[in-house]
Each structure stands twice: as structure tokens, then as C-alpha cells.
């Protein structure tokens, strides 16, 4: 244990629970592959999941993540895969919310970008706390937000490059639905997600990381 930081072994995830999460994500992924609305959009959306699963499986023993983070990553994977199956602008869940609440558009895209900040915030927080001397506090909060916002901006670059390469064929992937402020909304919601994740989950995350509260806090 690192007494200077008050750390104990992180609370990870058991093999059975990891298998359940892998089965859930794998099942949703297999379902999404059956006649997606747009095959190219589907491939672009699930690419992150296809890259992440082998990485998480390969590192589970030598660098296990916290239980909280594994569950969040699984939820995020399902959000991405579901959006990829229908395209973000045409998801049944988003259409239902639009009709019930009187929204002007399908807002599933907004949910996806909020999650793009919420889940990576805990990932960035965990990596910073485990791999650097940075302690919990204001600088950690700021750097996590900055990391999530920069990742969101990079993702917008990817969408821009896709539009340049694919032209009109990238419309389903962009899912702007005619909103000229879509890019700004995407980054703002990712920032909101990163802030809320830290405010809501920091204490639970610290416990699973084995961090003891600082004296007087």
C-alpha cells in the first residue's frame, strides 16, 4: 500500500461478473450486426467497442480496472452499439422520447455525447490517480474535464474528416439533423457529463480505488 496516498488494492471485478458484462455487450453487438440501417455507419460506431473489448480482456489480470468503471464501459458500449444499429438520428428510443416529450428532433445523439463525457471522465480519473502522483482535488477535477472535452473535440474532427471523405454518405454518421449548432452541443454535453460523473461518483470511485479520505476532509 502507498501510505502517502492512503491507497489499498483497488476493488476490481470477478471473473463471473466480467463474463456477464462481456456476454451482454457481445449479445447486443451480435444483434446490431443483423441488418443495421446503414452498414458503414454501424462499422464506424462500433469500431470503439471492437477495439476496447480485446484491450480490456487482455489487461484484466495485470491492470484490472475498478468494478464501477467496467460497468460504465459496458453501458457506454451498449449506447454506441444501439446507436450504430439504427443510426443516432433514427433510434426508436429517441423517436419515442421526441413524441412523448414534444422534442423537435431525435435526441439520442445528445445522450451519446453526454455519455462520451460521463464514462471517459471516470476512465481518465482512474488512470490519473493510478499512474500519476496527482491526488484527488481541484486539479484532478479540472484535468479530467479537460481530457473529456479534448476527446470530444477530437471526435468532432473525426466527424469532419468523415464528411470530407464520404460527402453526403456521412450524413447518417454525423446525425446533425439540420442543427447548425450540433458540434457545439456535442462538446458541451460531453463537458456536462464529465462534470456530473465526478460530482456523483467520485466518492464511490475513491473507495473502489482504495483511497482513504485525507485528514480533515
Foldseek 3Di string as FASTA:
>chain_A
DPVVQQFDAFAFDDPVVLVVLVVVLVVLLVVLVPQAVAVVLLCVLLVVVVVPPVVQVVCCPVPGDHHVLSVLVSVLSNLSNQCSRHFQQGRPVQVVCCVVVVNPGRCSLLVNLLSLQQNQLLVQLRCCVVPHVDHDDDVSLVVSLVVSLVVLVVVVVVLVVCCVVVPPVSCSNLSCVPPPCSSVSSSVSSSVNSNVNCVPCVVVSCVSRSGDDDPPD
